[in-house]
Protein backbone atom coordinates (compact mmCIF):
# COMPACT_ATOMS: atom_id res chain seq x y z
CA UNK A 1 -21.77 -34.09 37.34
CA UNK A 2 -19.03 -36.63 37.13
CA UNK A 3 -15.46 -35.56 37.11
CA UNK A 4 -13.69 -35.89 33.97
CA UNK A 5 -10.11 -37.33 33.67
CA UNK A 6 -8.52 -33.93 33.35
CA UNK A 7 -10.33 -32.88 36.45
CA UNK A 8 -9.03 -35.76 38.31
CA UNK A 9 -5.55 -35.07 37.10
CA UNK A 10 -5.99 -31.36 38.27
CA UNK A 11 -7.38 -31.92 41.65
CA UNK A 12 -5.46 -35.21 42.46
CA UNK A 13 -3.97 -34.14 45.80
CA UNK A 14 -7.40 -33.43 46.99
CA UNK A 15 -9.09 -36.65 45.91
CA UNK A 16 -6.33 -38.60 47.64
CA UNK A 17 -7.70 -37.18 51.06
CA UNK A 18 -10.38 -39.43 52.11
CA UNK A 19 -12.51 -36.67 53.61
CA UNK A 20 -12.76 -35.26 50.15
CA UNK A 21 -12.15 -37.73 47.42
CA UNK A 22 -14.23 -37.42 44.23
CA UNK A 23 -17.75 -36.66 45.59
CA UNK A 24 -16.23 -34.06 47.78
CA UNK A 25 -14.38 -32.33 44.79
CA UNK A 26 -17.56 -32.67 42.91
CA UNK A 27 -19.42 -30.79 45.69
CA UNK A 28 -16.86 -27.99 45.50
CA UNK A 29 -17.11 -27.48 41.86
CA UNK A 30 -20.85 -27.18 42.14
CA UNK A 31 -20.63 -24.51 44.87
CA UNK A 32 -20.75 -20.85 44.82
CA UNK A 33 -18.62 -18.51 47.04
CA UNK A 34 -19.18 -14.93 47.44
CA UNK A 35 -16.10 -12.88 48.68
CA UNK A 36 -16.44 -9.14 49.73
CA UNK A 37 -13.14 -7.14 49.95
CA UNK A 38 -11.95 -3.48 50.02
CA UNK A 39 -9.89 -3.78 46.66
CA UNK A 40 -9.22 -6.57 44.05
CA UNK A 41 -5.52 -6.35 45.40
CA UNK A 42 -6.55 -7.12 48.83
CA UNK A 43 -8.98 -9.87 47.96
CA UNK A 44 -6.63 -11.56 45.19
CA UNK A 45 -4.96 -14.02 47.18
CA UNK A 46 -8.24 -15.40 48.76
CA UNK A 47 -9.73 -15.71 45.06
CA UNK A 48 -6.46 -17.52 43.77
CA UNK A 49 -7.01 -20.07 46.43
CA UNK A 50 -10.81 -20.41 46.00
CA UNK A 51 -10.19 -21.04 42.06
CA UNK A 52 -7.26 -23.14 42.67
CA UNK A 53 -9.17 -25.33 45.17
CA UNK A 54 -12.22 -25.99 42.50
CA UNK A 55 -14.79 -23.80 44.20
CA UNK A 56 -17.04 -23.67 40.78
CA UNK A 57 -18.24 -20.16 40.96
CA UNK A 58 -16.88 -17.09 42.78
CA UNK A 59 -19.05 -13.99 43.29
CA UNK A 60 -17.06 -10.75 44.17
CA UNK A 61 -17.77 -7.57 45.56
CA UNK A 62 -15.20 -4.68 46.04
CA UNK A 63 -15.51 -1.24 47.11
CA UNK A 64 -12.76 -0.37 44.65
CA UNK A 65 -13.24 -2.79 41.58
CA UNK A 66 -10.33 -1.51 39.49
CA UNK A 67 -8.37 -4.36 38.28
CA UNK A 68 -11.09 -6.91 38.60
CA UNK A 69 -10.93 -7.93 34.85
CA UNK A 70 -7.14 -8.71 34.91
CA UNK A 71 -7.68 -10.81 38.05
CA UNK A 72 -10.69 -12.41 36.15
CA UNK A 73 -8.50 -13.41 33.25
CA UNK A 74 -5.76 -14.89 35.53
CA UNK A 75 -8.36 -16.97 37.31
CA UNK A 76 -9.76 -18.50 34.01
CA UNK A 77 -6.19 -19.25 33.30
CA UNK A 78 -5.44 -20.77 36.58
CA UNK A 79 -8.74 -22.90 36.48
CA UNK A 80 -10.99 -23.10 33.56
CA UNK A 81 -13.46 -24.96 35.74
CA UNK A 82 -14.36 -21.67 37.52
CA UNK A 83 -16.48 -18.91 36.77
CA UNK A 84 -16.09 -15.56 38.26
CA UNK A 85 -18.16 -12.32 38.45
CA UNK A 86 -18.92 -9.41 40.25
CA UNK A 87 -22.33 -9.73 41.93
CA UNK A 88 -24.18 -9.33 45.12
CA UNK A 89 -23.70 -12.93 45.91
CA UNK A 90 -27.39 -13.44 46.85
CA UNK A 91 -27.55 -16.95 45.77
CA UNK A 92 -24.06 -18.09 47.17
CA UNK A 93 -23.74 -21.06 49.48
CA UNK A 94 -20.94 -19.27 51.76
CA UNK A 95 -19.65 -15.80 52.10
CA UNK A 96 -16.08 -14.44 52.95
CA UNK A 97 -15.82 -10.99 54.19
CA UNK A 98 -11.96 -9.93 54.08
CA UNK A 99 -10.52 -6.37 55.08
CA UNK A 100 -9.54 -4.10 57.77
CA UNK A 101 -11.43 -3.62 60.97
CA UNK A 102 -13.50 -0.63 59.94
CA UNK A 103 -14.28 -2.19 56.54
CA UNK A 104 -15.83 -5.16 58.20
CA UNK A 105 -17.77 -2.86 60.85
CA UNK A 106 -19.18 -0.78 57.96
CA UNK A 107 -20.38 -4.10 56.23
CA UNK A 108 -22.20 -5.67 59.38
CA UNK A 109 -25.62 -5.09 57.80
CA UNK A 110 -24.55 -6.82 54.71
CA UNK A 111 -22.83 -9.83 56.89
CA UNK A 112 -26.10 -10.28 59.36
CA UNK A 113 -28.73 -10.01 56.36
CA UNK A 114 -27.93 -13.35 55.15
CA UNK A 115 -28.30 -16.90 57.18
CA UNK A 116 -25.62 -18.83 54.65
CA UNK A 117 -22.43 -19.58 56.64
CA UNK A 118 -19.92 -16.93 56.77
CA UNK A 119 -16.13 -16.41 57.39
CA UNK A 120 -15.34 -12.92 58.80
CA UNK A 121 -11.56 -11.91 58.65
CA UNK A 122 -9.94 -8.72 59.65
CA UNK A 123 -6.25 -7.49 60.06
CA UNK A 124 -4.24 -4.63 61.09
CA UNK A 125 -0.48 -4.42 60.59
CA UNK A 126 1.06 -7.76 61.43
CA UNK A 127 -2.20 -8.99 63.26
CA UNK A 128 -5.13 -10.53 62.09
CA UNK A 129 -8.35 -12.33 63.46
CA UNK A 130 -11.23 -14.51 62.01
CA UNK A 131 -14.51 -15.90 63.20
CA UNK A 132 -16.78 -18.51 61.33
CA UNK A 133 -20.52 -18.74 61.84
CA UNK A 134 -23.11 -21.11 60.54
CA UNK A 135 -25.19 -18.33 59.48
CA UNK A 136 -24.42 -14.34 59.25
CA UNK A 137 -26.53 -13.88 62.32
CA UNK A 138 -24.11 -15.77 64.59
CA UNK A 139 -21.44 -12.94 64.24
CA UNK A 140 -23.78 -10.37 65.73
CA UNK A 141 -21.62 -10.29 69.09
CA UNK A 142 -18.28 -9.92 67.24
CA UNK A 143 -19.69 -7.13 65.14
CA UNK A 144 -20.83 -5.23 67.92
CA UNK A 145 -17.80 -5.38 70.05
CA UNK A 146 -15.84 -4.38 67.00
CA UNK A 147 -18.04 -1.14 66.49
CA UNK A 148 -17.75 -0.54 69.97
CA UNK A 149 -13.97 -0.81 70.02
CA UNK A 150 -13.57 1.29 66.76
CA UNK A 151 -15.65 3.93 68.30
CA UNK A 152 -13.04 4.25 71.07
CA UNK A 153 -9.90 4.52 69.00
CA UNK A 154 -8.74 7.22 66.97
CA UNK A 155 -7.79 5.70 63.57
CA UNK A 156 -6.87 8.55 61.49
CA UNK A 157 -3.20 7.92 61.93
CA UNK A 158 -3.53 4.41 60.36
CA UNK A 159 -4.65 4.89 56.83
CA UNK A 160 -1.19 3.57 55.43
CA UNK A 161 -0.59 -0.02 55.51
CA UNK A 162 2.84 -1.59 57.03
CA UNK A 163 4.94 -4.23 55.69
CA UNK A 164 3.04 -6.59 57.98
CA UNK A 165 -0.23 -5.88 56.66
CA UNK A 166 0.34 -7.90 53.28
CA UNK A 167 1.39 -10.87 55.38
CA UNK A 168 -1.39 -10.90 57.81
CA UNK A 169 -3.83 -10.30 54.63
CA UNK A 170 -2.55 -13.45 52.92
CA UNK A 171 -2.48 -15.70 55.86
CA UNK A 172 -6.17 -14.85 56.43
CA UNK A 173 -6.77 -15.20 52.81
CA UNK A 174 -5.72 -18.73 52.80
CA UNK A 175 -7.08 -19.79 56.37
CA UNK A 176 -10.47 -18.32 55.24
CA UNK A 177 -10.56 -20.46 52.09
CA UNK A 178 -9.63 -23.45 54.28
CA UNK A 179 -12.56 -22.87 56.51
CA UNK A 180 -14.78 -22.37 53.71
CA UNK A 181 -13.88 -25.62 52.06
CA UNK A 182 -14.48 -27.44 55.54
CA UNK A 183 -18.00 -25.57 55.94
CA UNK A 184 -18.84 -26.46 52.40
CA UNK A 185 -17.98 -30.26 52.78
CA UNK A 186 -19.00 -30.57 56.32
CA UNK A 187 -15.48 -31.91 57.65
CA UNK A 188 -13.59 -31.22 60.34
CA UNK A 189 -14.40 -28.43 63.02
CA UNK A 190 -14.58 -24.96 62.03
CA UNK A 191 -13.06 -22.07 64.09
CA UNK A 192 -15.96 -21.92 67.21
CA UNK A 193 -14.27 -19.13 68.81
CA UNK A 194 -12.51 -15.84 67.35
CA UNK A 195 -8.90 -16.74 66.05
CA UNK A 196 -6.32 -14.31 66.90
CA UNK A 197 -2.97 -14.03 65.65
CA UNK A 198 0.23 -11.86 65.66
CA UNK A 199 2.89 -12.75 62.96
CA UNK A 200 5.26 -10.48 64.77
CA UNK A 201 5.33 -12.68 67.83
CA UNK A 202 4.11 -15.78 66.11
CA UNK A 203 1.38 -16.14 68.59
CA UNK A 204 -2.06 -17.88 67.72
CA UNK A 205 -4.90 -18.12 70.18
CA UNK A 206 -8.45 -18.99 69.84
CA UNK A 207 -10.42 -16.30 71.96
CA UNK A 208 -13.75 -16.75 73.70
CA UNK A 209 -16.44 -14.11 74.29
CA UNK A 210 -14.96 -13.19 77.61
CA UNK A 211 -11.65 -12.29 76.22
CA UNK A 212 -12.59 -10.84 73.11
CA UNK A 213 -12.94 -7.18 74.14
CA UNK A 214 -9.27 -7.35 75.48
CA UNK A 215 -7.99 -8.56 72.23
CA UNK A 216 -10.12 -6.30 69.71
CA UNK A 217 -8.04 -3.18 70.72
CA UNK A 218 -4.86 -4.85 69.94
CA UNK A 219 -6.23 -5.64 66.73
CA UNK A 220 -7.72 -2.48 65.80
CA UNK A 221 -4.39 -0.48 66.65
CA UNK A 222 -0.77 -0.58 65.65
CA UNK A 223 2.05 -0.97 68.21
CA UNK A 224 5.01 1.41 68.00
CA UNK A 225 7.02 -1.85 66.71
CA UNK A 226 4.60 -2.29 63.74
CA UNK A 227 4.76 1.24 62.45
CA UNK A 228 8.31 1.81 61.02
CA UNK A 229 8.54 1.23 57.36
CA UNK A 230 11.79 -0.49 56.00
CA UNK A 231 12.94 -0.41 52.34
CA UNK A 232 13.49 -3.94 51.20
CA UNK A 233 14.48 -3.12 47.66
CA UNK A 234 18.33 -4.12 48.51
CA UNK A 235 17.29 -7.36 50.27
CA UNK A 236 17.66 -10.64 48.77
CA UNK A 237 15.65 -13.91 49.51
CA UNK A 238 16.21 -17.51 48.00
CA UNK A 239 13.14 -19.86 47.65
CA UNK A 240 14.11 -23.57 46.97
CA UNK A 241 11.03 -24.91 45.41
CA UNK A 242 7.91 -23.05 43.62
CA UNK A 243 5.26 -25.49 44.36
CA UNK A 244 2.74 -25.50 46.96
CA UNK A 245 4.81 -23.52 49.54
CA UNK A 246 7.13 -21.49 47.35
CA UNK A 247 4.29 -20.02 45.15
CA UNK A 248 2.60 -18.07 48.39
CA UNK A 249 6.05 -17.39 49.92
CA UNK A 250 7.19 -15.71 46.55
CA UNK A 251 3.83 -14.12 46.06
CA UNK A 252 4.01 -12.18 49.61
CA UNK A 253 7.42 -11.22 49.21
CA UNK A 254 7.02 -9.84 45.66
CA UNK A 255 4.08 -7.60 47.35
CA UNK A 256 6.15 -6.69 50.23
CA UNK A 257 8.88 -5.26 47.81
CA UNK A 258 11.88 -7.35 48.14
CA UNK A 259 14.28 -6.40 45.73
CA UNK A 260 15.52 -9.62 44.62
CA UNK A 261 13.77 -13.02 44.78
CA UNK A 262 16.04 -16.33 43.67
CA UNK A 263 13.57 -19.34 42.54
CA UNK A 264 15.18 -22.70 42.48
CA UNK A 265 13.25 -25.68 40.90
CA UNK A 266 14.05 -28.60 38.51
CA UNK A 267 10.36 -29.25 37.49
CA UNK A 268 8.11 -28.07 34.88
CA UNK A 269 4.30 -27.00 35.36
CA UNK A 270 1.83 -29.96 35.15
CA UNK A 271 -2.11 -29.94 35.68
CA UNK A 272 -1.77 -31.56 39.05
CA UNK A 273 0.06 -28.60 40.32
CA UNK A 274 -2.64 -26.30 39.75
CA UNK A 275 -5.07 -27.09 42.88
CA UNK A 276 -2.48 -25.45 45.28
CA UNK A 277 0.36 -23.45 43.37
CA UNK A 278 -1.22 -20.10 42.75
CA UNK A 279 1.85 -18.65 40.60
CA UNK A 280 1.25 -21.26 37.79
CA UNK A 281 -1.49 -21.63 35.14
CA UNK A 282 -3.05 -23.92 32.50
CA UNK A 283 -1.67 -21.85 29.49
CA UNK A 284 2.14 -22.56 31.06
CA UNK A 285 1.88 -26.14 31.48
CA UNK A 286 5.04 -27.69 30.22
CA UNK A 287 7.36 -24.41 31.11
CA UNK A 288 9.83 -24.74 33.63
CA UNK A 289 8.27 -23.65 37.16
CA UNK A 290 10.91 -21.11 37.78
CA UNK A 291 10.11 -19.29 34.23
CA UNK A 292 6.36 -19.53 34.98
CA UNK A 293 6.91 -18.16 38.45
CA UNK A 294 8.82 -15.48 37.28
CA UNK A 295 6.15 -14.34 34.74
CA UNK A 296 3.75 -14.09 37.40
CA UNK A 297 5.85 -12.19 39.74
CA UNK A 298 6.90 -9.75 37.54
CA UNK A 299 3.36 -8.77 36.45
CA UNK A 300 2.72 -8.51 40.36
CA UNK A 301 5.68 -6.49 41.01
CA UNK A 302 7.60 -5.29 37.81
CA UNK A 303 10.40 -3.58 39.87
CA UNK A 304 11.79 -6.64 41.62
CA UNK A 305 14.71 -8.76 40.18
CA UNK A 306 13.99 -12.52 39.71
CA UNK A 307 16.86 -14.86 39.49
CA UNK A 308 16.03 -18.27 38.12
CA UNK A 309 17.56 -21.43 38.58
CA UNK A 310 16.00 -24.41 36.82
CA UNK A 311 17.87 -27.23 38.58
CA UNK A 312 17.64 -29.24 41.61
CA UNK A 313 19.94 -28.30 44.53
CA UNK A 314 22.75 -30.83 45.15
CA UNK A 315 26.07 -31.16 46.99
CA UNK A 316 28.27 -29.48 44.10
CA UNK A 317 25.92 -26.45 43.41
CA UNK A 318 24.36 -25.60 46.87
CA UNK A 319 26.89 -23.35 48.29
CA UNK A 320 27.18 -21.11 45.01
CA UNK A 321 23.43 -20.99 44.63
CA UNK A 322 22.60 -19.80 48.30
CA UNK A 323 25.70 -17.22 48.11
CA UNK A 324 24.58 -13.56 48.10
CA UNK A 325 21.47 -14.13 49.48
CA UNK A 326 20.29 -12.87 53.02
CA UNK A 327 17.64 -15.49 53.79
CA UNK A 328 16.84 -19.11 52.28
CA UNK A 329 13.29 -20.36 52.44
CA UNK A 330 12.83 -24.19 52.37
CA UNK A 331 9.85 -24.95 50.17
CA UNK A 332 10.38 -28.59 49.37
CA UNK A 333 8.66 -31.84 50.27
CA UNK A 334 11.60 -34.13 50.37
CA UNK A 335 13.77 -34.99 53.28
CA UNK A 336 17.29 -35.28 51.36
CA UNK A 337 17.00 -31.42 49.97
CA UNK A 338 15.84 -30.11 53.45
CA UNK A 339 18.81 -31.78 55.06
CA UNK A 340 21.12 -30.53 52.41
CA UNK A 341 19.73 -27.00 52.89
CA UNK A 342 20.05 -27.34 56.55
CA UNK A 343 23.86 -28.40 56.38
CA UNK A 344 24.63 -26.14 53.84
CA UNK A 345 23.30 -23.03 55.59
CA UNK A 346 24.91 -24.12 58.90
CA UNK A 347 28.26 -24.14 57.04
CA UNK A 348 27.65 -20.88 55.41
CA UNK A 349 26.02 -18.95 58.24
CA UNK A 350 22.70 -18.45 56.28
CA UNK A 351 19.46 -18.33 58.28
CA UNK A 352 16.85 -20.63 56.79
CA UNK A 353 13.00 -20.94 57.20
CA UNK A 354 11.56 -24.29 56.90
CA UNK A 355 7.85 -25.60 56.53
CA UNK A 356 6.30 -28.81 55.66
CA UNK A 357 2.58 -29.79 54.71
CA UNK A 358 0.51 -33.12 54.51
CA UNK A 359 -3.18 -33.43 54.06
CA UNK A 360 -4.53 -30.89 56.50
CA UNK A 361 -1.54 -30.19 58.49
CA UNK A 362 1.59 -27.99 58.49
CA UNK A 363 4.68 -27.27 60.45
CA UNK A 364 6.98 -24.34 60.60
CA UNK A 365 10.33 -23.51 62.14
CA UNK A 366 13.33 -20.81 61.64
CA UNK A 367 16.86 -22.08 61.75
CA UNK A 368 19.60 -19.70 63.03
CA UNK A 369 22.99 -21.31 62.59
CA UNK A 370 24.92 -21.20 65.75
CA UNK A 371 22.22 -19.57 67.69
CA UNK A 372 19.44 -22.17 67.85
CA UNK A 373 18.71 -25.69 67.14
CA UNK A 374 19.24 -26.91 63.65
CA UNK A 375 17.08 -29.39 61.56
CA UNK A 376 19.21 -32.38 62.76
CA UNK A 377 18.91 -31.51 66.53
CA UNK A 378 15.36 -32.97 66.48
CA UNK A 379 15.81 -35.38 63.30
CA UNK A 380 19.58 -36.31 63.21
CA UNK A 381 19.25 -38.69 60.04
CA UNK A 382 17.43 -38.79 56.98
CA UNK A 383 14.36 -40.91 57.33
CA UNK A 384 14.36 -44.21 55.32
CA UNK A 385 12.66 -43.74 52.15
CA UNK A 386 8.91 -44.60 52.65
CA UNK A 387 8.84 -44.75 56.36
CA UNK A 388 7.14 -40.90 56.22
CA UNK A 389 4.17 -40.32 53.71
CA UNK A 390 4.53 -37.64 51.19
CA UNK A 391 1.67 -35.28 50.23
CA UNK A 392 2.05 -37.27 46.62
CA UNK A 393 0.92 -40.30 48.67
CA UNK A 394 -1.43 -38.88 51.28
CA UNK A 395 -2.60 -35.58 49.30
CA UNK A 396 -2.92 -32.09 50.81
CA UNK A 397 -5.79 -29.50 50.90
CA UNK A 398 -4.70 -26.74 48.43
CA UNK A 399 -4.90 -23.68 51.22
CA UNK A 400 -2.58 -25.58 53.74
CA UNK A 401 0.39 -24.97 51.88
CA UNK A 402 -0.73 -21.38 51.23
CA UNK A 403 -1.07 -20.93 55.03
CA UNK A 404 2.37 -21.96 55.88
CA UNK A 405 4.16 -20.26 52.85
CA UNK A 406 2.76 -17.19 53.85
CA UNK A 407 4.00 -17.48 57.51
CA UNK A 408 7.43 -18.47 56.05
CA UNK A 409 7.49 -15.16 53.85
CA UNK A 410 6.57 -13.02 56.90
CA UNK A 411 9.49 -14.66 59.15
CA UNK A 412 11.65 -13.93 56.01
CA UNK A 413 10.83 -10.24 56.22
CA UNK A 414 11.13 -10.09 59.78
CA UNK A 415 14.83 -11.43 59.61
CA UNK A 416 15.50 -8.82 56.91
CA UNK A 417 14.16 -5.99 58.88
CA UNK A 418 15.06 -7.09 62.56
CA UNK A 419 11.25 -6.69 63.43
CA UNK A 420 9.45 -9.06 66.05
CA UNK A 421 10.37 -12.11 67.49
CA UNK A 422 12.10 -14.99 65.40
CA UNK A 423 10.96 -18.52 65.93
CA UNK A 424 14.27 -20.26 66.08
CA UNK A 425 13.62 -21.81 69.47
CA UNK A 426 10.14 -23.25 68.75
CA UNK A 427 8.10 -25.12 65.96
CA UNK A 428 4.58 -24.51 64.90
CA UNK A 429 2.26 -27.15 64.19
CA UNK A 430 -0.88 -26.44 62.45
CA UNK A 431 -3.92 -28.87 62.36
CA UNK A 432 -6.21 -27.59 59.76
CA UNK A 433 -8.99 -29.90 60.11
CA UNK A 434 -9.70 -28.73 63.74
CA UNK A 435 -7.97 -25.08 63.29
CA UNK A 436 -5.30 -25.77 65.95
CA UNK A 437 -2.22 -24.11 66.21
CA UNK A 438 0.18 -25.64 68.47
CA UNK A 439 3.77 -24.24 69.74
CA UNK A 440 6.32 -26.59 70.82
CA UNK A 441 9.73 -25.41 72.48
CA UNK A 442 12.92 -26.57 70.78
CA UNK A 443 16.46 -26.73 72.28
CA UNK A 444 19.74 -27.34 70.67
CA UNK A 445 21.07 -30.83 70.93
CA UNK A 446 24.42 -31.18 72.30
CA UNK A 447 24.66 -34.69 70.52
CA UNK A 448 23.77 -33.08 67.20
CA UNK A 449 25.87 -34.74 64.53
CA UNK A 450 25.95 -31.07 62.86
CA UNK A 451 26.07 -28.38 65.57
CA UNK A 452 26.52 -30.37 69.00
CA UNK A 453 29.73 -30.24 71.00
CA UNK A 454 31.36 -32.99 69.21
CA UNK A 455 30.03 -32.86 65.57
CA UNK A 456 30.87 -35.92 63.26
CA UNK A 457 29.65 -33.86 60.46
CA UNK A 458 32.32 -31.47 59.08
CA UNK A 459 31.41 -31.30 55.51
CA UNK A 460 28.55 -31.84 53.17
CA UNK A 461 27.45 -35.45 52.95
CA UNK A 462 26.17 -37.71 50.18
CA UNK A 463 22.25 -37.08 49.86
CA UNK A 464 20.12 -39.76 48.13
CA UNK A 465 17.45 -37.95 46.20
CA UNK A 466 14.36 -39.98 45.33
CA UNK A 467 11.39 -38.30 43.68
CA UNK A 468 8.36 -40.44 44.50
CA UNK A 469 6.04 -38.62 42.21
CA UNK A 470 7.04 -36.58 39.10
CA UNK A 471 3.90 -34.33 39.76
CA UNK A 472 4.80 -33.49 43.36
CA UNK A 473 6.37 -29.99 44.04
CA UNK A 474 9.55 -31.38 45.63
CA UNK A 475 13.01 -29.98 44.61
CA UNK A 476 14.85 -33.11 43.45
CA UNK A 477 17.58 -32.88 40.97
């Protein structure tokens, strides 16, 4: 199989990465992945990222298959290279199991019956965990401990999902697809131990066998702070950029029922967007991204309101655009817009949530004006153009912005509801090639030109916007 010109354009960001390039993408297109989940809706995010990444054949099993035909139609529209069916996946190259702890425990005979590589991911509330094995039998210890833990806990009161469960599911979906791609291509290091996370505290840790027995009870139960359900219908979130980061952020917020989502993007849908921007599709190429995203989100949740701003942010319109929103999500991939958002949110007193991605790596932080360090505390000035490579130049693995965008959406809901710990004094660095999360402490800089003790910046500056690549998901005007 030789990649055709249209396929090269579609997977351009992957092909730019030396570890993948053309031969790697060709291998993904020739691969078959089996995904087993509780319902179609619970597994949809993982299926979208499998298809967007160019996994050629997707086999699905759902305990409740209602809605599969609709999902299959959307997958064909997202990527017509991909075939999808309901089957037992007996001839698949890799398997993903995704669900709540009791669902995973009930599937252990199916998990252990095959020797193909397997990704096991389960979640409860705001927490999740994942382990990867080169063969299904390598998960026997985890499954035994999980069954023992579930036998000791009364789970009857946990039937209803919490807000957090949407986000832990989505994060695991993108993480699982990332690990699947690494396994299929033989690149990086797959997770050797159990990966545990809590989105309430933004804790990410690898847990060895000796510690697993202590972490599983946390993952299989809900803490009191996870149980209250908060109505989000009167809350408003603005997402600047509807590309690789903005797509997953908007997807999860729509599922969670945030009442109003604002979408800002100057660009139109292109085929090179579709390897990672799951809100868009082949039939909407040429449509403004904000309009394409709104169509997807309204199908996902007809009750939400979508405000579309088919423009780039600039010094003249930024204050009017962010006015009326509770939280701003920075989902752009250029420094001038990021600095503009930082400065405008500082003057307007708006919290904003930032993330960035390149190749296999991602970063994440939250900025609370006057309460914690701003973006300029660590990077006072806009970097000189060309001094830092962009994902347009270096590529990005499709699920990486998915992971970071879903984390952004979780943080937004925590800000809206007052739940959990807000990451305003730390930054998370994620190395997807080696499955490592690293948290770095941040402090306010007294010499910061914006929020320091003697600020030099007292109004919005001039921001020079340069789009290095029209196909990029940056938000240049």
